[in-house]
């Protein structure tokens, strides 16, 4: 073969490969799914149509199943578990609920019980176990609140022996709304990985978990301000990371000019009132989910202590005065989109 012919063949081969690469479509799919009483978005990047359709169908079915199993006030496995816990008698744990109890036990202990999924009766009392997006007041009586607080329900009141369990405290009523979304997001991202999907985002309101990258870059996620319109900050999420938030303006009612929301301080029985928003970035969505509640309750005076105990290096907390508190690692991720006023950087976590 002559040198000239060899060069022509090589050039033709390279051109063919380049054309094939350029002609390959960047395949992105975006789905909005209704999951019982909430909405979830699923974004898949660099997948074929058949895989995307399979993933969407499976994720939606899984999320609906998990929401049914762990719904805090509607009939289902968690509802039945709460009925049995109230009797004080021993019973066989429902296999769909037991993993959440075990996970919640660890997260509750590491947060000094500021994340407390056993206060379902307090949430009942405040009127937050309802399908209404904006519940109505008035707040419950101080006596009724104090009565439940004295009973001090905790996840540690549940005693397990194998698959058998019982509650030592009749005031225990489980509500996993500050954990179940994180657990379900972790499970669904593991499923997407198992079928070969490398780049994806699952999002419910302001809570997100991602896989891989988006068009070769980290996924960029916005954080809405609790008092102003629009997103006041953006963060980049890397492969496998989650961003979860807790805010006092997502679900609340006002009575006599005061805002009442469902993030209750288990020590007082009242809505935590020193925090407006918490955002946590963590590889495990379940931990991020529960941690936002714990840190919200901890407030500006105690959040660093709780963040250390829960091993949370990336945290943002906006307090009731509008002051923004950041861990150093979170400060490195934040890109401000609005004027934010005073920012305080904590010691490293």
C-alpha atoms as a PDB file:
ATOM      1  CA  UNK A   1       0.000   0.000   0.000  1.00  0.00           C
ATOM      2  CA  UNK A   2       1.412   3.378  -0.965  1.00  0.00           C
ATOM      3  CA  UNK A   3       1.899   6.074   1.634  1.00  0.00           C
ATOM      4  CA  UNK A   4      -0.595   8.280  -0.223  1.00  0.00           C
ATOM      5  CA  UNK A   5      -3.291   5.574  -0.210  1.00  0.00           C
ATOM      6  CA  UNK A   6      -2.658   4.831   3.484  1.00  0.00           C
ATOM      7  CA  UNK A   7      -3.157   8.496   4.377  1.00  0.00           C
ATOM      8  CA  UNK A   8      -6.409   8.638   2.377  1.00  0.00           C
ATOM      9  CA  UNK A   9      -7.797   5.547   4.143  1.00  0.00           C
ATOM     10  CA  UNK A  10      -6.768   6.897   7.552  1.00  0.00           C
ATOM     11  CA  UNK A  11      -8.379  10.268   6.837  1.00  0.00           C
ATOM     12  CA  UNK A  12     -11.595   8.559   5.653  1.00  0.00           C
ATOM     13  CA  UNK A  13     -11.726   6.423   8.825  1.00  0.00           C
ATOM     14  CA  UNK A  14     -11.184   9.389  11.133  1.00  0.00           C
ATOM     15  CA  UNK A  15     -13.821  11.444   9.274  1.00  0.00           C
ATOM     16  CA  UNK A  16     -16.334   8.592   9.535  1.00  0.00           C
ATOM     17  CA  UNK A  17     -15.763   8.244  13.271  1.00  0.00           C
ATOM     18  CA  UNK A  18     -16.098  11.988  13.804  1.00  0.00           C
ATOM     19  CA  UNK A  19     -19.327  12.121  11.801  1.00  0.00           C
ATOM     20  CA  UNK A  20     -20.734   9.202  13.781  1.00  0.00           C
ATOM     21  CA  UNK A  21     -19.868  10.892  17.055  1.00  0.00           C
ATOM     22  CA  UNK A  22     -21.370  14.201  15.969  1.00  0.00           C
ATOM     23  CA  UNK A  23     -24.548  12.573  14.678  1.00  0.00           C
ATOM     24  CA  UNK A  24     -25.213  10.735  17.970  1.00  0.00           C
ATOM     25  CA  UNK A  25     -28.049  12.642  19.649  1.00  0.00           C
ATOM     26  CA  UNK A  26     -27.749  13.984  23.187  1.00  0.00           C
ATOM     27  CA  UNK A  27     -30.792  12.182  24.527  1.00  0.00           C
ATOM     28  CA  UNK A  28     -32.511  13.861  27.433  1.00  0.00           C
ATOM     29  CA  UNK A  29     -35.883  13.032  28.936  1.00  0.00           C
ATOM     30  CA  UNK A  30     -37.872  15.058  31.455  1.00  0.00           C
ATOM     31  CA  UNK A  31     -40.863  13.579  33.279  1.00  0.00           C
ATOM     32  CA  UNK A  32     -43.299  15.120  35.751  1.00  0.00           C
ATOM     33  CA  UNK A  33     -44.879  12.414  37.889  1.00  0.00           C
ATOM     34  CA  UNK A  34     -47.800  12.658  40.278  1.00  0.00           C
ATOM     35  CA  UNK A  35     -47.015  10.639  43.396  1.00  0.00           C
ATOM     36  CA  UNK A  36     -50.235  10.496  45.435  1.00  0.00           C
ATOM     37  CA  UNK A  37     -50.352  13.967  47.029  1.00  0.00           C
ATOM     38  CA  UNK A  38     -47.106  15.381  45.681  1.00  0.00           C
ATOM     39  CA  UNK A  39     -45.215  16.008  42.435  1.00  0.00           C
ATOM     40  CA  UNK A  40     -41.814  14.583  41.499  1.00  0.00           C
ATOM     41  CA  UNK A  41     -39.607  15.479  38.533  1.00  0.00           C
ATOM     42  CA  UNK A  42     -37.255  12.995  36.876  1.00  0.00           C
ATOM     43  CA  UNK A  43     -34.550  14.080  34.426  1.00  0.00           C
ATOM     44  CA  UNK A  44     -32.537  11.471  32.531  1.00  0.00           C
ATOM     45  CA  UNK A  45     -29.564  12.450  30.386  1.00  0.00           C
ATOM     46  CA  UNK A  46     -27.752  10.422  27.737  1.00  0.00           C
ATOM     47  CA  UNK A  47     -30.176   7.484  27.682  1.00  0.00           C
ATOM     48  CA  UNK A  48     -32.163   5.826  24.906  1.00  0.00           C
ATOM     49  CA  UNK A  49     -35.930   6.131  24.665  1.00  0.00           C
ATOM     50  CA  UNK A  50     -36.723   2.570  25.735  1.00  0.00           C
ATOM     51  CA  UNK A  51     -34.539   2.805  28.857  1.00  0.00           C
ATOM     52  CA  UNK A  52     -36.046   6.173  29.732  1.00  0.00           C
ATOM     53  CA  UNK A  53     -39.587   4.825  29.439  1.00  0.00           C
ATOM     54  CA  UNK A  54     -38.759   1.805  31.596  1.00  0.00           C
ATOM     55  CA  UNK A  55     -37.053   3.971  34.209  1.00  0.00           C
ATOM     56  CA  UNK A  56     -39.920   6.436  34.401  1.00  0.00           C
ATOM     57  CA  UNK A  57     -42.559   3.726  34.792  1.00  0.00           C
ATOM     58  CA  UNK A  58     -40.625   1.869  37.480  1.00  0.00           C
ATOM     59  CA  UNK A  59     -39.686   4.998  39.454  1.00  0.00           C
ATOM     60  CA  UNK A  60     -43.261   6.265  39.444  1.00  0.00           C
ATOM     61  CA  UNK A  61     -44.627   2.906  40.572  1.00  0.00           C
ATOM     62  CA  UNK A  62     -41.969   2.610  43.297  1.00  0.00           C
ATOM     63  CA  UNK A  63     -42.566   6.136  44.601  1.00  0.00           C
ATOM     64  CA  UNK A  64     -46.322   5.621  44.729  1.00  0.00           C
ATOM     65  CA  UNK A  65     -45.837   2.351  46.598  1.00  0.00           C
ATOM     66  CA  UNK A  66     -43.462   3.892  49.112  1.00  0.00           C
ATOM     67  CA  UNK A  67     -45.685   6.922  49.632  1.00  0.00           C
ATOM     68  CA  UNK A  68     -48.616   4.605  50.321  1.00  0.00           C
ATOM     69  CA  UNK A  69     -46.586   2.461  52.737  1.00  0.00           C
ATOM     70  CA  UNK A  70     -45.211   5.408  54.700  1.00  0.00           C
ATOM     71  CA  UNK A  71     -48.041   7.933  54.515  1.00  0.00           C
ATOM     72  CA  UNK A  72     -48.216   9.632  57.925  1.00  0.00           C
ATOM     73  CA  UNK A  73     -52.000   9.850  58.282  1.00  0.00           C
ATOM     74  CA  UNK A  74     -53.726   7.773  55.608  1.00  0.00           C
ATOM     75  CA  UNK A  75     -54.518   4.082  55.954  1.00  0.00           C
ATOM     76  CA  UNK A  76     -51.587   1.833  55.079  1.00  0.00           C
ATOM     77  CA  UNK A  77     -48.706  -0.106  56.661  1.00  0.00           C
ATOM     78  CA  UNK A  78     -47.475   2.858  58.737  1.00  0.00           C
ATOM     79  CA  UNK A  79     -50.999   3.636  59.892  1.00  0.00           C
ATOM     80  CA  UNK A  80     -51.480   0.038  61.000  1.00  0.00           C
ATOM     81  CA  UNK A  81     -48.093   0.077  62.738  1.00  0.00           C
ATOM     82  CA  UNK A  82     -49.142   3.169  64.699  1.00  0.00           C
ATOM     83  CA  UNK A  83     -52.373   1.477  65.763  1.00  0.00           C
ATOM     84  CA  UNK A  84     -50.426  -1.496  67.099  1.00  0.00           C
ATOM     85  CA  UNK A  85     -47.794   0.646  68.828  1.00  0.00           C
ATOM     86  CA  UNK A  86     -50.563   2.452  70.717  1.00  0.00           C
ATOM     87  CA  UNK A  87     -51.675  -0.825  72.331  1.00  0.00           C
ATOM     88  CA  UNK A  88     -48.343  -1.459  74.035  1.00  0.00           C
ATOM     89  CA  UNK A  89     -48.561  -5.115  73.011  1.00  0.00           C
ATOM     90  CA  UNK A  90     -45.887  -6.949  71.035  1.00  0.00           C
ATOM     91  CA  UNK A  91     -46.513  -7.504  67.322  1.00  0.00           C
ATOM     92  CA  UNK A  92     -44.723  -8.473  64.115  1.00  0.00           C
ATOM     93  CA  UNK A  93     -43.125  -5.453  62.469  1.00  0.00           C
ATOM     94  CA  UNK A  94     -44.277  -4.636  58.970  1.00  0.00           C
ATOM     95  CA  UNK A  95     -41.274  -5.291  56.672  1.00  0.00           C
ATOM     96  CA  UNK A  96     -41.931  -2.078  54.742  1.00  0.00           C
ATOM     97  CA  UNK A  97     -41.825   0.076  57.888  1.00  0.00           C
ATOM     98  CA  UNK A  98     -39.024  -1.606  59.841  1.00  0.00           C
ATOM     99  CA  UNK A  99     -36.123  -0.150  57.755  1.00  0.00           C
ATOM    100  CA  UNK A 100     -37.367   3.396  58.407  1.00  0.00           C
ATOM    101  CA  UNK A 101     -37.614   2.726  62.147  1.00  0.00           C
ATOM    102  CA  UNK A 102     -34.038   1.437  62.195  1.00  0.00           C
ATOM    103  CA  UNK A 103     -32.731   4.385  60.160  1.00  0.00           C
ATOM    104  CA  UNK A 104     -34.699   6.914  62.199  1.00  0.00           C
ATOM    105  CA  UNK A 105     -33.321   5.487  65.434  1.00  0.00           C
ATOM    106  CA  UNK A 106     -29.746   6.303  64.355  1.00  0.00           C
ATOM    107  CA  UNK A 107     -30.569   9.783  63.024  1.00  0.00           C
ATOM    108  CA  UNK A 108     -32.634  10.688  66.063  1.00  0.00           C
ATOM    109  CA  UNK A 109     -29.841   9.688  68.457  1.00  0.00           C
ATOM    110  CA  UNK A 110     -27.184  11.647  66.564  1.00  0.00           C
ATOM    111  CA  UNK A 111     -29.385  14.772  66.554  1.00  0.00           C
ATOM    112  CA  UNK A 112     -30.114  14.752  70.311  1.00  0.00           C
ATOM    113  CA  UNK A 113     -33.663  13.764  69.330  1.00  0.00           C
ATOM    114  CA  UNK A 114     -34.257  17.074  67.530  1.00  0.00           C
ATOM    115  CA  UNK A 115     -35.195  14.909  64.597  1.00  0.00           C
ATOM    116  CA  UNK A 116     -38.037  13.046  66.282  1.00  0.00           C
ATOM    117  CA  UNK A 117     -40.359  10.956  64.085  1.00  0.00           C
ATOM    118  CA  UNK A 118     -42.366   9.796  67.131  1.00  0.00           C
ATOM    119  CA  UNK A 119     -44.300  13.083  67.561  1.00  0.00           C
ATOM    120  CA  UNK A 120     -47.142  12.222  65.185  1.00  0.00           C
ATOM    121  CA  UNK A 121     -49.719  12.966  67.893  1.00  0.00           C
ATOM    122  CA  UNK A 122     -48.357  16.498  68.248  1.00  0.00           C
ATOM    123  CA  UNK A 123     -48.687  16.988  64.492  1.00  0.00           C
ATOM    124  CA  UNK A 124     -52.245  15.673  64.757  1.00  0.00           C
ATOM    125  CA  UNK A 125     -52.945  18.145  67.532  1.00  0.00           C
ATOM    126  CA  UNK A 126     -51.641  21.070  65.481  1.00  0.00           C
ATOM    127  CA  UNK A 127     -53.827  20.070  62.519  1.00  0.00           C
ATOM    128  CA  UNK A 128     -51.034  19.248  60.094  1.00  0.00           C
ATOM    129  CA  UNK A 129     -52.187  15.704  59.322  1.00  0.00           C
ATOM    130  CA  UNK A 130     -54.485  16.869  56.565  1.00  0.00           C
ATOM    131  CA  UNK A 131     -54.515  16.960  52.761  1.00  0.00           C
ATOM    132  CA  UNK A 132     -54.971  20.743  52.819  1.00  0.00           C
ATOM    133  CA  UNK A 133     -51.855  22.569  51.638  1.00  0.00           C
ATOM    134  CA  UNK A 134     -52.683  25.437  53.991  1.00  0.00           C
ATOM    135  CA  UNK A 135     -54.177  24.074  57.230  1.00  0.00           C
ATOM    136  CA  UNK A 136     -56.331  26.348  59.334  1.00  0.00           C
ATOM    137  CA  UNK A 137     -55.940  27.567  62.917  1.00  0.00           C
ATOM    138  CA  UNK A 138     -56.346  28.241  65.691  1.00  0.00           C
ATOM    139  CA  UNK A 139     -53.388  26.550  67.373  1.00  0.00           C
ATOM    140  CA  UNK A 140     -54.130  23.974  70.088  1.00  0.00           C
ATOM    141  CA  UNK A 141     -54.347  24.865  73.758  1.00  0.00           C
ATOM    142  CA  UNK A 142     -51.193  25.191  75.813  1.00  0.00           C
ATOM    143  CA  UNK A 143     -52.505  22.494  78.149  1.00  0.00           C
ATOM    144  CA  UNK A 144     -52.960  19.955  75.357  1.00  0.00           C
ATOM    145  CA  UNK A 145     -49.470  20.656  74.016  1.00  0.00           C
ATOM    146  CA  UNK A 146     -47.878  20.399  77.460  1.00  0.00           C
ATOM    147  CA  UNK A 147     -49.626  17.084  78.103  1.00  0.00           C
ATOM    148  CA  UNK A 148     -48.033  15.462  75.033  1.00  0.00           C
ATOM    149  CA  UNK A 149     -44.628  17.019  75.680  1.00  0.00           C
ATOM    150  CA  UNK A 150     -44.625  15.554  79.211  1.00  0.00           C
ATOM    151  CA  UNK A 151     -45.210  12.098  77.723  1.00  0.00           C
ATOM    152  CA  UNK A 152     -41.986  12.646  75.729  1.00  0.00           C
ATOM    153  CA  UNK A 153     -42.523  10.200  72.824  1.00  0.00           C
ATOM    154  CA  UNK A 154     -39.290   9.077  71.177  1.00  0.00           C
ATOM    155  CA  UNK A 155     -38.259   6.497  68.604  1.00  0.00           C
ATOM    156  CA  UNK A 156     -36.181   4.877  71.349  1.00  0.00           C
ATOM    157  CA  UNK A 157     -39.462   3.965  73.107  1.00  0.00           C
ATOM    158  CA  UNK A 158     -39.914   1.288  70.450  1.00  0.00           C
ATOM    159  CA  UNK A 159     -38.365  -1.998  71.528  1.00  0.00           C
ATOM    160  CA  UNK A 160     -37.361  -4.535  68.883  1.00  0.00           C
ATOM    161  CA  UNK A 161     -36.481  -8.214  69.148  1.00  0.00           C
ATOM    162  CA  UNK A 162     -35.903  -9.597  65.678  1.00  0.00           C
ATOM    163  CA  UNK A 163     -39.036  -8.768  63.720  1.00  0.00           C
ATOM    164  CA  UNK A 164     -41.127  -8.353  66.869  1.00  0.00           C
ATOM    165  CA  UNK A 165     -41.652  -4.928  68.397  1.00  0.00           C
ATOM    166  CA  UNK A 166     -43.712  -2.920  70.836  1.00  0.00           C
ATOM    167  CA  UNK A 167     -43.845   0.599  72.239  1.00  0.00           C
ATOM    168  CA  UNK A 168     -43.131   1.383  75.880  1.00  0.00           C
ATOM    169  CA  UNK A 169     -44.838   4.763  75.476  1.00  0.00           C
ATOM    170  CA  UNK A 170     -48.480   5.020  74.325  1.00  0.00           C
ATOM    171  CA  UNK A 171     -47.835   8.587  73.108  1.00  0.00           C
ATOM    172  CA  UNK A 172     -45.620   7.344  70.267  1.00  0.00           C
ATOM    173  CA  UNK A 173     -47.068   7.905  66.806  1.00  0.00           C
ATOM    174  CA  UNK A 174     -44.646   7.657  63.902  1.00  0.00           C
ATOM    175  CA  UNK A 175     -44.446  10.269  61.155  1.00  0.00           C
ATOM    176  CA  UNK A 176     -41.637   9.764  58.634  1.00  0.00           C
ATOM    177  CA  UNK A 177     -42.349  12.751  56.403  1.00  0.00           C
ATOM    178  CA  UNK A 178     -38.885  14.132  57.215  1.00  0.00           C
ATOM    179  CA  UNK A 179     -37.177  10.900  56.202  1.00  0.00           C
ATOM    180  CA  UNK A 180     -39.246   8.951  53.686  1.00  0.00           C
ATOM    181  CA  UNK A 181     -38.559  11.210  50.699  1.00  0.00           C
ATOM    182  CA  UNK A 182     -34.827  10.903  51.255  1.00  0.00           C
ATOM    183  CA  UNK A 183     -35.021   7.132  51.607  1.00  0.00           C
ATOM    184  CA  UNK A 184     -37.098   6.830  48.442  1.00  0.00           C
ATOM    185  CA  UNK A 185     -34.721   9.071  46.456  1.00  0.00           C
ATOM    186  CA  UNK A 186     -31.737   6.976  47.559  1.00  0.00           C
ATOM    187  CA  UNK A 187     -33.510   3.777  46.519  1.00  0.00           C
ATOM    188  CA  UNK A 188     -34.571   5.089  43.123  1.00  0.00           C
ATOM    189  CA  UNK A 189     -31.146   6.410  42.229  1.00  0.00           C
ATOM    190  CA  UNK A 190     -29.675   3.014  43.122  1.00  0.00           C
ATOM    191  CA  UNK A 191     -32.229   1.448  40.772  1.00  0.00           C
ATOM    192  CA  UNK A 192     -31.337   3.837  37.937  1.00  0.00           C
ATOM    193  CA  UNK A 193     -27.683   2.940  38.355  1.00  0.00           C
ATOM    194  CA  UNK A 194     -28.559  -0.760  38.260  1.00  0.00           C
ATOM    195  CA  UNK A 195     -30.074  -0.402  34.765  1.00  0.00           C
ATOM    196  CA  UNK A 196     -27.074   1.499  33.439  1.00  0.00           C
ATOM    197  CA  UNK A 197     -28.211   5.118  33.796  1.00  0.00           C
ATOM    198  CA  UNK A 198     -25.275   7.317  34.745  1.00  0.00           C
ATOM    199  CA  UNK A 199     -26.708  10.843  34.599  1.00  0.00           C
ATOM    200  CA  UNK A 200     -30.001  11.655  36.298  1.00  0.00           C
ATOM    201  CA  UNK A 201     -31.790  14.017  38.645  1.00  0.00           C
ATOM    202  CA  UNK A 202     -34.820  13.333  40.829  1.00  0.00           C
ATOM    203  CA  UNK A 203     -36.527  16.341  42.394  1.00  0.00           C
ATOM    204  CA  UNK A 204     -39.476  16.884  44.690  1.00  0.00           C
ATOM    205  CA  UNK A 205     -40.276  20.541  45.328  1.00  0.00           C
ATOM    206  CA  UNK A 206     -36.908  21.804  46.697  1.00  0.00           C
ATOM    207  CA  UNK A 207     -35.302  18.429  47.457  1.00  0.00           C
ATOM    208  CA  UNK A 208     -32.937  16.868  44.914  1.00  0.00           C
ATOM    209  CA  UNK A 209     -30.620  13.915  44.380  1.00  0.00           C
ATOM    210  CA  UNK A 210     -28.383  13.560  41.324  1.00  0.00           C
ATOM    211  CA  UNK A 211     -26.287  11.024  39.476  1.00  0.00           C
ATOM    212  CA  UNK A 212     -23.324  11.842  37.278  1.00  0.00           C
ATOM    213  CA  UNK A 213     -23.236  15.143  35.441  1.00  0.00           C
ATOM    214  CA  UNK A 214     -25.388  17.267  33.165  1.00  0.00           C
ATOM    215  CA  UNK A 215     -23.839  17.924  29.758  1.00  0.00           C
ATOM    216  CA  UNK A 216     -20.396  17.309  31.196  1.00  0.00           C
ATOM    217  CA  UNK A 217     -20.835  19.697  34.158  1.00  0.00           C
ATOM    218  CA  UNK A 218     -22.095  19.334  37.731  1.00  0.00           C
ATOM    219  CA  UNK A 219     -25.853  19.618  38.154  1.00  0.00           C
ATOM    220  CA  UNK A 220     -26.770  23.189  39.077  1.00  0.00           C
ATOM    221  CA  UNK A 221     -29.572  23.502  41.640  1.00  0.00           C
ATOM    222  CA  UNK A 222     -31.334  26.627  42.894  1.00  0.00           C
ATOM    223  CA  UNK A 223     -32.361  27.372  46.487  1.00  0.00           C
ATOM    224  CA  UNK A 224     -35.486  29.532  46.954  1.00  0.00           C
ATOM    225  CA  UNK A 225     -35.469  32.303  49.548  1.00  0.00           C
ATOM    226  CA  UNK A 226     -37.981  31.797  52.366  1.00  0.00           C
ATOM    227  CA  UNK A 227     -39.134  35.434  52.247  1.00  0.00           C
ATOM    228  CA  UNK A 228     -38.283  36.753  48.779  1.00  0.00           C
ATOM    229  CA  UNK A 229     -39.303  35.716  45.273  1.00  0.00           C
ATOM    230  CA  UNK A 230     -37.041  33.500  43.216  1.00  0.00           C
ATOM    231  CA  UNK A 231     -33.838  31.612  43.877  1.00  0.00           C
ATOM    232  CA  UNK A 232     -31.314  33.541  45.922  1.00  0.00           C
ATOM    233  CA  UNK A 233     -28.514  30.974  45.647  1.00  0.00           C
ATOM    234  CA  UNK A 234     -27.262  28.234  43.333  1.00  0.00           C
ATOM    235  CA  UNK A 235     -25.133  25.235  44.184  1.00  0.00           C
ATOM    236  CA  UNK A 236     -23.391  22.615  42.086  1.00  0.00           C
ATOM    237  CA  UNK A 237     -24.105  18.996  42.996  1.00  0.00           C
ATOM    238  CA  UNK A 238     -21.603  16.279  42.175  1.00  0.00           C
ATOM    239  CA  UNK A 239     -22.262  12.627  41.367  1.00  0.00           C
ATOM    240  CA  UNK A 240     -24.418  10.993  44.050  1.00  0.00           C
ATOM    241  CA  UNK A 241     -25.044  14.122  46.118  1.00  0.00           C
ATOM    242  CA  UNK A 242     -28.353  15.339  47.524  1.00  0.00           C
ATOM    243  CA  UNK A 243     -29.645  18.792  48.447  1.00  0.00           C
ATOM    244  CA  UNK A 244     -32.550  18.902  50.902  1.00  0.00           C
ATOM    245  CA  UNK A 245     -34.212  21.959  52.428  1.00  0.00           C
ATOM    246  CA  UNK A 246     -36.604  22.731  55.266  1.00  0.00           C
ATOM    247  CA  UNK A 247     -38.443  26.041  55.331  1.00  0.00           C
ATOM    248  CA  UNK A 248     -41.143  27.668  57.427  1.00  0.00           C
ATOM    249  CA  UNK A 249     -43.003  28.902  54.334  1.00  0.00           C
ATOM    250  CA  UNK A 250     -43.732  25.631  52.549  1.00  0.00           C
ATOM    251  CA  UNK A 251     -46.764  24.662  54.617  1.00  0.00           C
ATOM    252  CA  UNK A 252     -48.163  26.836  57.375  1.00  0.00           C
ATOM    253  CA  UNK A 253     -51.100  28.847  58.623  1.00  0.00           C
ATOM    254  CA  UNK A 254     -51.281  32.259  60.216  1.00  0.00           C
ATOM    255  CA  UNK A 255     -53.350  33.028  63.260  1.00  0.00           C
ATOM    256  CA  UNK A 256     -53.473  36.463  64.865  1.00  0.00           C
ATOM    257  CA  UNK A 257     -50.508  37.463  62.721  1.00  0.00           C
ATOM    258  CA  UNK A 258     -48.229  34.592  63.812  1.00  0.00           C
ATOM    259  CA  UNK A 259     -46.969  31.885  61.464  1.00  0.00           C
ATOM    260  CA  UNK A 260     -47.428  28.244  62.507  1.00  0.00           C
ATOM    261  CA  UNK A 261     -45.634  25.527  60.521  1.00  0.00           C
ATOM    262  CA  UNK A 262     -45.205  21.744  61.026  1.00  0.00           C
ATOM    263  CA  UNK A 263     -41.496  21.742  61.983  1.00  0.00           C
ATOM    264  CA  UNK A 264     -42.156  21.240  65.680  1.00  0.00           C
ATOM    265  CA  UNK A 265     -39.597  21.421  68.452  1.00  0.00           C
ATOM    266  CA  UNK A 266     -40.186  18.168  70.388  1.00  0.00           C
ATOM    267  CA  UNK A 267     -38.861  19.817  73.553  1.00  0.00           C
ATOM    268  CA  UNK A 268     -41.589  22.488  73.603  1.00  0.00           C
ATOM    269  CA  UNK A 269     -44.316  21.098  71.333  1.00  0.00           C
ATOM    270  CA  UNK A 270     -44.412  24.375  69.377  1.00  0.00           C
ATOM    271  CA  UNK A 271     -43.149  25.234  65.876  1.00  0.00           C
ATOM    272  CA  UNK A 272     -39.436  26.098  65.938  1.00  0.00           C
ATOM    273  CA  UNK A 273     -39.329  29.882  65.599  1.00  0.00           C
ATOM    274  CA  UNK A 274     -35.661  30.860  65.324  1.00  0.00           C
ATOM    275  CA  UNK A 275     -35.054  29.483  61.819  1.00  0.00           C
ATOM    276  CA  UNK A 276     -36.492  30.368  58.409  1.00  0.00           C
ATOM    277  CA  UNK A 277     -34.627  27.892  56.173  1.00  0.00           C
ATOM    278  CA  UNK A 278     -32.064  25.102  56.303  1.00  0.00           C
ATOM    279  CA  UNK A 279     -30.292  23.510  53.330  1.00  0.00           C
ATOM    280  CA  UNK A 280     -28.040  20.447  53.570  1.00  0.00           C
ATOM    281  CA  UNK A 281     -25.851  18.797  50.922  1.00  0.00           C
ATOM    282  CA  UNK A 282     -24.999  15.171  51.671  1.00  0.00           C
ATOM    283  CA  UNK A 283     -24.302  11.971  49.703  1.00  0.00           C
ATOM    284  CA  UNK A 284     -27.194  10.203  51.433  1.00  0.00           C
ATOM    285  CA  UNK A 285     -30.591  11.758  50.794  1.00  0.00           C
ATOM    286  CA  UNK A 286     -32.107  10.095  53.870  1.00  0.00           C
ATOM    287  CA  UNK A 287     -29.561  11.769  56.144  1.00  0.00           C
ATOM    288  CA  UNK A 288     -29.999  15.136  54.421  1.00  0.00           C
ATOM    289  CA  UNK A 289     -33.781  14.865  54.763  1.00  0.00           C
ATOM    290  CA  UNK A 290     -33.775  14.232  58.515  1.00  0.00           C
ATOM    291  CA  UNK A 291     -30.894  16.619  59.134  1.00  0.00           C
ATOM    292  CA  UNK A 292     -32.773  19.628  57.752  1.00  0.00           C
ATOM    293  CA  UNK A 293     -35.460  19.106  60.390  1.00  0.00           C
ATOM    294  CA  UNK A 294     -32.949  18.616  63.215  1.00  0.00           C
ATOM    295  CA  UNK A 295     -30.952  21.716  62.271  1.00  0.00           C
ATOM    296  CA  UNK A 296     -34.098  23.799  61.791  1.00  0.00           C
ATOM    297  CA  UNK A 297     -35.132  22.948  65.350  1.00  0.00           C
ATOM    298  CA  UNK A 298     -31.588  23.511  66.653  1.00  0.00           C
ATOM    299  CA  UNK A 299     -31.644  27.068  65.311  1.00  0.00           C
ATOM    300  CA  UNK A 300     -28.777  29.569  65.145  1.00  0.00           C
ATOM    301  CA  UNK A 301     -27.487  28.771  68.646  1.00  0.00           C
ATOM    302  CA  UNK A 302     -27.221  24.972  68.428  1.00  0.00           C
ATOM    303  CA  UNK A 303     -26.956  24.046  64.755  1.00  0.00           C
ATOM    304  CA  UNK A 304     -23.155  23.755  64.641  1.00  0.00           C
ATOM    305  CA  UNK A 305     -23.187  21.247  67.517  1.00  0.00           C
ATOM    306  CA  UNK A 306     -25.841  19.118  65.820  1.00  0.00           C
ATOM    307  CA  UNK A 307     -24.111  19.364  62.425  1.00  0.00           C
ATOM    308  CA  UNK A 308     -20.918  18.024  63.988  1.00  0.00           C
ATOM    309  CA  UNK A 309     -22.731  15.136  65.667  1.00  0.00           C
ATOM    310  CA  UNK A 310     -24.497  14.211  62.400  1.00  0.00           C
ATOM    311  CA  UNK A 311     -21.306  14.698  60.335  1.00  0.00           C
ATOM    312  CA  UNK A 312     -22.748  17.375  58.036  1.00  0.00           C
ATOM    313  CA  UNK A 313     -19.955  19.420  56.433  1.00  0.00           C
ATOM    314  CA  UNK A 314     -22.225  21.351  54.031  1.00  0.00           C
ATOM    315  CA  UNK A 315     -25.011  23.320  55.735  1.00  0.00           C
ATOM    316  CA  UNK A 316     -26.770  26.653  55.249  1.00  0.00           C
ATOM    317  CA  UNK A 317     -29.145  28.085  57.868  1.00  0.00           C
ATOM    318  CA  UNK A 318     -31.098  31.330  57.604  1.00  0.00           C
ATOM    319  CA  UNK A 319     -32.227  32.495  61.023  1.00  0.00           C
ATOM    320  CA  UNK A 320     -35.301  34.510  62.000  1.00  0.00           C
ATOM    321  CA  UNK A 321     -33.339  37.778  61.595  1.00  0.00           C
ATOM    322  CA  UNK A 322     -32.362  36.945  58.017  1.00  0.00           C
ATOM    323  CA  UNK A 323     -28.725  36.254  58.895  1.00  0.00           C
ATOM    324  CA  UNK A 324     -27.236  33.469  56.754  1.00  0.00           C
ATOM    325  CA  UNK A 325     -25.037  30.919  58.526  1.00  0.00           C
ATOM    326  CA  UNK A 326     -22.762  28.690  56.426  1.00  0.00           C
ATOM    327  CA  UNK A 327     -20.228  25.966  57.012  1.00  0.00           C
ATOM    328  CA  UNK A 328     -16.957  26.676  55.176  1.00  0.00           C
ATOM    329  CA  UNK A 329     -17.579  23.794  52.765  1.00  0.00           C
ATOM    330  CA  UNK A 330     -21.045  25.121  51.897  1.00  0.00           C
ATOM    331  CA  UNK A 331     -19.659  28.634  51.447  1.00  0.00           C
ATOM    332  CA  UNK A 332     -17.372  27.278  48.731  1.00  0.00           C
ATOM    333  CA  UNK A 333     -20.369  25.836  46.837  1.00  0.00           C
ATOM    334  CA  UNK A 334     -22.731  28.827  47.046  1.00  0.00           C
ATOM    335  CA  UNK A 335     -23.229  31.195  44.115  1.00  0.00           C
ATOM    336  CA  UNK A 336     -25.393  34.112  45.215  1.00  0.00           C
ATOM    337  CA  UNK A 337     -28.145  35.251  42.868  1.00  0.00           C
ATOM    338  CA  UNK A 338     -29.478  38.100  45.027  1.00  0.00           C
ATOM    339  CA  UNK A 339     -28.247  40.540  47.650  1.00  0.00           C
ATOM    340  CA  UNK A 340     -28.181  38.442  50.807  1.00  0.00           C
ATOM    341  CA  UNK A 341     -27.074  40.781  53.571  1.00  0.00           C
ATOM    342  CA  UNK A 342     -25.116  39.429  56.526  1.00  0.00           C
ATOM    343  CA  UNK A 343     -23.346  36.082  56.145  1.00  0.00           C
ATOM    344  CA  UNK A 344     -21.631  34.242  58.997  1.00  0.00           C
ATOM    345  CA  UNK A 345     -19.155  31.416  58.332  1.00  0.00           C
ATOM    346  CA  UNK A 346     -18.954  28.764  61.050  1.00  0.00           C
ATOM    347  CA  UNK A 347     -15.972  26.730  62.140  1.00  0.00           C
ATOM    348  CA  UNK A 348     -15.269  23.711  59.900  1.00  0.00           C
ATOM    349  CA  UNK A 349     -17.487  20.671  60.434  1.00  0.00           C
END
